[in-house]
Amino acid sequence: MITVRFSVRPGQGEPDDFDFGDMVWEGERGRVVSAGHVPDQGVMIHLSVALLLHQLGPLLSGKRRTLSYTGIGSSFRLDFRRDGKGFVSVASKGAPVGGVRSEGLARAVLRAAEEFTENDLARLPADSGARSDCLAAVREFRATVGA
């Protein structure tokens, strides 16, 4: 089982398309967090969530076997590897996080993205480009993974 959480960092002033935030990925083999590193590995969260969803779709649908994802404005990296049976392993810079069937990973990521859009993304202005991109990425990801 893998759990995922996305959040905006507090204290950045008015909500903005380029707000920094963090990702937390936890599995049976480890935990990786973008916060608390030197140098900082926070990501431009709204844009990074959209990018993650766009890049994960082909991996989860079986069109790709591997994915190396790097958050926007950051060195925070996740590596995904899908085997021939639909099992996906997640690691960060060689440190294993865990593994799960592709459907389980899709559910975990979609749940985190939907919570993020309800709680944090909603703070952006209605005409925000990052808000529009992220909402579109969630819709596309949901359709891609059949949720």
C-alpha atoms as a PDB file:
ATOM      1  CA  MET A   1       0.000   0.000   0.000  1.00  0.00           C
ATOM      2  CA  ILE A   2       1.172   3.506  -0.858  1.00  0.00           C
ATOM      3  CA  THR A   3      -0.216   6.730   0.575  1.00  0.00           C
ATOM      4  CA  VAL A   4       0.306  10.116  -0.998  1.00  0.00           C
ATOM      5  CA  ARG A   5      -0.289  13.671   0.212  1.00  0.00           C
ATOM      6  CA  PHE A   6       0.167  17.060  -1.487  1.00  0.00           C
ATOM      7  CA  SER A   7       0.137  20.366   0.407  1.00  0.00           C
ATOM      8  CA  VAL A   8       0.878  24.062   0.024  1.00  0.00           C
ATOM      9  CA  ARG A   9       3.446  25.494   2.397  1.00  0.00           C
ATOM     10  CA  PRO A  10       2.030  28.124   4.742  1.00  0.00           C
ATOM     11  CA  GLY A  11       3.284  31.705   5.023  1.00  0.00           C
ATOM     12  CA  GLN A  12       3.763  32.544   1.350  1.00  0.00           C
ATOM     13  CA  GLY A  13       1.324  35.433   1.255  1.00  0.00           C
ATOM     14  CA  GLU A  14      -1.591  35.497  -1.150  1.00  0.00           C
ATOM     15  CA  PRO A  15      -2.160  32.212  -2.999  1.00  0.00           C
ATOM     16  CA  ASP A  16      -0.261  32.141  -6.284  1.00  0.00           C
ATOM     17  CA  ASP A  17       0.219  29.798  -9.252  1.00  0.00           C
ATOM     18  CA  PHE A  18       3.853  29.339  -8.218  1.00  0.00           C
ATOM     19  CA  ASP A  19       3.318  28.540  -4.519  1.00  0.00           C
ATOM     20  CA  PHE A  20       5.747  26.068  -3.070  1.00  0.00           C
ATOM     21  CA  GLY A  21       4.498  22.965  -1.384  1.00  0.00           C
ATOM     22  CA  ASP A  22       5.372  19.445  -0.491  1.00  0.00           C
ATOM     23  CA  MET A  23       4.709  15.850  -1.422  1.00  0.00           C
ATOM     24  CA  VAL A  24       4.694  12.935   0.999  1.00  0.00           C
ATOM     25  CA  TRP A  25       4.881   9.355  -0.277  1.00  0.00           C
ATOM     26  CA  GLU A  26       4.715   6.472   2.199  1.00  0.00           C
ATOM     27  CA  GLY A  27       4.886   2.752   1.615  1.00  0.00           C
ATOM     28  CA  GLU A  28       5.848  -0.461   3.338  1.00  0.00           C
ATOM     29  CA  ARG A  29       9.545   0.087   2.623  1.00  0.00           C
ATOM     30  CA  GLY A  30       9.957   3.767   3.414  1.00  0.00           C
ATOM     31  CA  ARG A  31       8.824   7.343   3.376  1.00  0.00           C
ATOM     32  CA  VAL A  32       9.933  10.206   1.176  1.00  0.00           C
ATOM     33  CA  VAL A  33       9.063  13.852   1.786  1.00  0.00           C
ATOM     34  CA  SER A  34      10.045  16.909  -0.216  1.00  0.00           C
ATOM     35  CA  ALA A  35      10.322  19.056   2.953  1.00  0.00           C
ATOM     36  CA  GLY A  36      13.239  19.189   5.353  1.00  0.00           C
ATOM     37  CA  HIS A  37      16.174  18.864   2.968  1.00  0.00           C
ATOM     38  CA  VAL A  38      19.225  21.029   2.383  1.00  0.00           C
ATOM     39  CA  PRO A  39      19.021  22.290  -0.256  1.00  0.00           C
ATOM     40  CA  ASP A  40      15.265  22.607  -0.084  1.00  0.00           C
ATOM     41  CA  GLN A  41      13.274  20.205  -2.279  1.00  0.00           C
ATOM     42  CA  GLY A  42       9.879  21.906  -2.080  1.00  0.00           C
ATOM     43  CA  VAL A  43       8.070  21.934  -5.419  1.00  0.00           C
ATOM     44  CA  MET A  44       5.898  24.466  -7.222  1.00  0.00           C
ATOM     45  CA  ILE A  45       3.014  22.397  -5.995  1.00  0.00           C
ATOM     46  CA  HIS A  46       0.113  23.312  -8.292  1.00  0.00           C
ATOM     47  CA  LEU A  47       2.189  22.841 -11.426  1.00  0.00           C
ATOM     48  CA  SER A  48       3.980  19.773 -10.045  1.00  0.00           C
ATOM     49  CA  VAL A  49       0.774  17.918  -9.209  1.00  0.00           C
ATOM     50  CA  ALA A  50      -0.505  18.532 -12.750  1.00  0.00           C
ATOM     51  CA  LEU A  51       2.794  17.321 -14.235  1.00  0.00           C
ATOM     52  CA  LEU A  52       2.793  14.209 -12.048  1.00  0.00           C
ATOM     53  CA  LEU A  53      -0.723  13.276 -13.141  1.00  0.00           C
ATOM     54  CA  HIS A  54       0.112  13.790 -16.825  1.00  0.00           C
ATOM     55  CA  GLN A  55       3.259  11.680 -16.563  1.00  0.00           C
ATOM     56  CA  LEU A  56       1.785   8.893 -14.418  1.00  0.00           C
ATOM     57  CA  GLY A  57      -1.177   8.233 -16.721  1.00  0.00           C
ATOM     58  CA  PRO A  58       0.806   6.368 -19.423  1.00  0.00           C
ATOM     59  CA  LEU A  59       2.692   4.335 -16.806  1.00  0.00           C
ATOM     60  CA  LEU A  60      -0.455   3.251 -15.001  1.00  0.00           C
ATOM     61  CA  SER A  61      -2.286   2.410 -18.215  1.00  0.00           C
ATOM     62  CA  GLY A  62       0.601   0.175 -19.316  1.00  0.00           C
ATOM     63  CA  LYS A  63       1.918   2.356 -22.146  1.00  0.00           C
ATOM     64  CA  ARG A  64       5.204   2.942 -20.274  1.00  0.00           C
ATOM     65  CA  ARG A  65       7.261   0.741 -17.965  1.00  0.00           C
ATOM     66  CA  THR A  66       9.338   3.398 -16.186  1.00  0.00           C
ATOM     67  CA  LEU A  67       9.018   7.016 -15.153  1.00  0.00           C
ATOM     68  CA  SER A  68      11.484   9.366 -13.495  1.00  0.00           C
ATOM     69  CA  TYR A  69       9.501  12.328 -12.199  1.00  0.00           C
ATOM     70  CA  THR A  70      11.056  15.558 -10.900  1.00  0.00           C
ATOM     71  CA  GLY A  71       8.953  18.260  -9.253  1.00  0.00           C
ATOM     72  CA  ILE A  72       8.927  21.682 -10.912  1.00  0.00           C
ATOM     73  CA  GLY A  73      11.420  24.100  -9.382  1.00  0.00           C
ATOM     74  CA  SER A  74      12.967  21.313  -7.330  1.00  0.00           C
ATOM     75  CA  SER A  75      15.332  18.371  -7.224  1.00  0.00           C
ATOM     76  CA  PHE A  76      12.637  16.216  -5.577  1.00  0.00           C
ATOM     77  CA  ARG A  77      12.540  13.032  -7.637  1.00  0.00           C
ATOM     78  CA  LEU A  78      10.452   9.881  -7.734  1.00  0.00           C
ATOM     79  CA  ASP A  79      11.190   6.806  -9.807  1.00  0.00           C
ATOM     80  CA  PHE A  80       8.414   4.449 -10.855  1.00  0.00           C
ATOM     81  CA  ARG A  81       8.884   1.012 -12.405  1.00  0.00           C
ATOM     82  CA  ARG A  82       6.023  -1.156 -13.653  1.00  0.00           C
ATOM     83  CA  ASP A  83       6.526  -4.865 -14.171  1.00  0.00           C
ATOM     84  CA  GLY A  84       4.717  -7.039 -16.715  1.00  0.00           C
ATOM     85  CA  LYS A  85       2.035  -7.981 -14.171  1.00  0.00           C
ATOM     86  CA  GLY A  86       0.943  -4.418 -13.367  1.00  0.00           C
ATOM     87  CA  PHE A  87       2.906  -4.039 -10.113  1.00  0.00           C
ATOM     88  CA  VAL A  88       4.506  -0.600  -9.679  1.00  0.00           C
ATOM     89  CA  SER A  89       7.471   0.065  -7.404  1.00  0.00           C
ATOM     90  CA  VAL A  90       8.171   3.576  -6.148  1.00  0.00           C
ATOM     91  CA  ALA A  91      11.580   4.852  -5.073  1.00  0.00           C
ATOM     92  CA  SER A  92      13.303   8.175  -4.549  1.00  0.00           C
ATOM     93  CA  LYS A  93      16.956   8.541  -5.490  1.00  0.00           C
ATOM     94  CA  GLY A  94      17.497   4.817  -5.036  1.00  0.00           C
ATOM     95  CA  ALA A  95      15.681   4.552  -1.687  1.00  0.00           C
ATOM     96  CA  PRO A  96      12.620   2.280  -1.952  1.00  0.00           C
ATOM     97  CA  VAL A  97       9.239   3.570  -0.809  1.00  0.00           C
ATOM     98  CA  GLY A  98       7.106   0.562  -1.672  1.00  0.00           C
ATOM     99  CA  GLY A  99       5.092  -1.123  -4.322  1.00  0.00           C
ATOM    100  CA  VAL A 100       1.504  -1.672  -5.247  1.00  0.00           C
ATOM    101  CA  ARG A 101      -0.599  -2.816  -8.166  1.00  0.00           C
ATOM    102  CA  SER A 102      -1.128  -0.027 -10.703  1.00  0.00           C
ATOM    103  CA  GLU A 103      -4.813   0.283  -9.720  1.00  0.00           C
ATOM    104  CA  GLY A 104      -3.875   0.858  -6.079  1.00  0.00           C
ATOM    105  CA  LEU A 105      -1.337   3.513  -6.989  1.00  0.00           C
ATOM    106  CA  ALA A 106      -3.875   5.210  -9.266  1.00  0.00           C
ATOM    107  CA  ARG A 107      -6.404   5.312  -6.405  1.00  0.00           C
ATOM    108  CA  ALA A 108      -3.837   6.688  -3.929  1.00  0.00           C
ATOM    109  CA  VAL A 109      -2.655   9.425  -6.296  1.00  0.00           C
ATOM    110  CA  LEU A 110      -6.181  10.339  -7.390  1.00  0.00           C
ATOM    111  CA  ARG A 111      -7.359  10.543  -3.768  1.00  0.00           C
ATOM    112  CA  ALA A 112      -4.435  12.847  -2.897  1.00  0.00           C
ATOM    113  CA  ALA A 113      -5.041  15.011  -5.979  1.00  0.00           C
ATOM    114  CA  GLU A 114      -8.757  15.333  -5.246  1.00  0.00           C
ATOM    115  CA  GLU A 115      -8.097  16.280  -1.611  1.00  0.00           C
ATOM    116  CA  PHE A 116      -5.516  18.798  -2.814  1.00  0.00           C
ATOM    117  CA  THR A 117      -7.932  20.367  -5.305  1.00  0.00           C
ATOM    118  CA  GLU A 118     -10.661  20.640  -2.662  1.00  0.00           C
ATOM    119  CA  ASN A 119      -8.459  22.059   0.096  1.00  0.00           C
ATOM    120  CA  ASP A 120      -5.512  23.926  -1.410  1.00  0.00           C
ATOM    121  CA  LEU A 121      -6.189  24.506  -5.089  1.00  0.00           C
ATOM    122  CA  ALA A 122      -9.535  26.118  -4.278  1.00  0.00           C
ATOM    123  CA  ARG A 123      -7.633  29.033  -2.707  1.00  0.00           C
ATOM    124  CA  LEU A 124      -6.284  30.151  -6.079  1.00  0.00           C
ATOM    125  CA  PRO A 125      -8.245  32.753  -8.048  1.00  0.00           C
ATOM    126  CA  ALA A 126     -10.839  31.325 -10.452  1.00  0.00           C
ATOM    127  CA  ASP A 127      -8.866  32.640 -13.465  1.00  0.00           C
ATOM    128  CA  SER A 128      -5.590  31.028 -12.361  1.00  0.00           C
ATOM    129  CA  GLY A 129      -3.771  29.134 -15.094  1.00  0.00           C
ATOM    130  CA  ALA A 130      -2.268  26.682 -12.594  1.00  0.00           C
ATOM    131  CA  ARG A 131      -5.720  26.007 -11.143  1.00  0.00           C
ATOM    132  CA  SER A 132      -7.160  25.301 -14.607  1.00  0.00           C
ATOM    133  CA  ASP A 133      -4.208  23.062 -15.535  1.00  0.00           C
ATOM    134  CA  CYS A 134      -4.392  21.081 -12.307  1.00  0.00           C
ATOM    135  CA  LEU A 135      -8.167  20.587 -12.509  1.00  0.00           C
ATOM    136  CA  ALA A 136      -7.835  19.450 -16.137  1.00  0.00           C
ATOM    137  CA  ALA A 137      -5.023  17.062 -15.160  1.00  0.00           C
ATOM    138  CA  VAL A 138      -7.209  15.519 -12.425  1.00  0.00           C
ATOM    139  CA  ARG A 139     -10.092  15.029 -14.893  1.00  0.00           C
ATOM    140  CA  GLU A 140      -7.769  13.511 -17.504  1.00  0.00           C
ATOM    141  CA  PHE A 141      -6.070  11.258 -14.931  1.00  0.00           C
ATOM    142  CA  ARG A 142      -9.447  10.043 -13.634  1.00  0.00           C
ATOM    143  CA  ALA A 143     -10.486   9.173 -17.203  1.00  0.00           C
ATOM    144  CA  THR A 144      -7.137   7.519 -17.989  1.00  0.00           C
ATOM    145  CA  VAL A 145      -7.181   5.242 -14.952  1.00  0.00           C
ATOM    146  CA  GLY A 146     -10.908   4.548 -15.255  1.00  0.00           C
ATOM    147  CA  ALA A 147     -11.845   5.883 -11.828  1.00  0.00           C
END
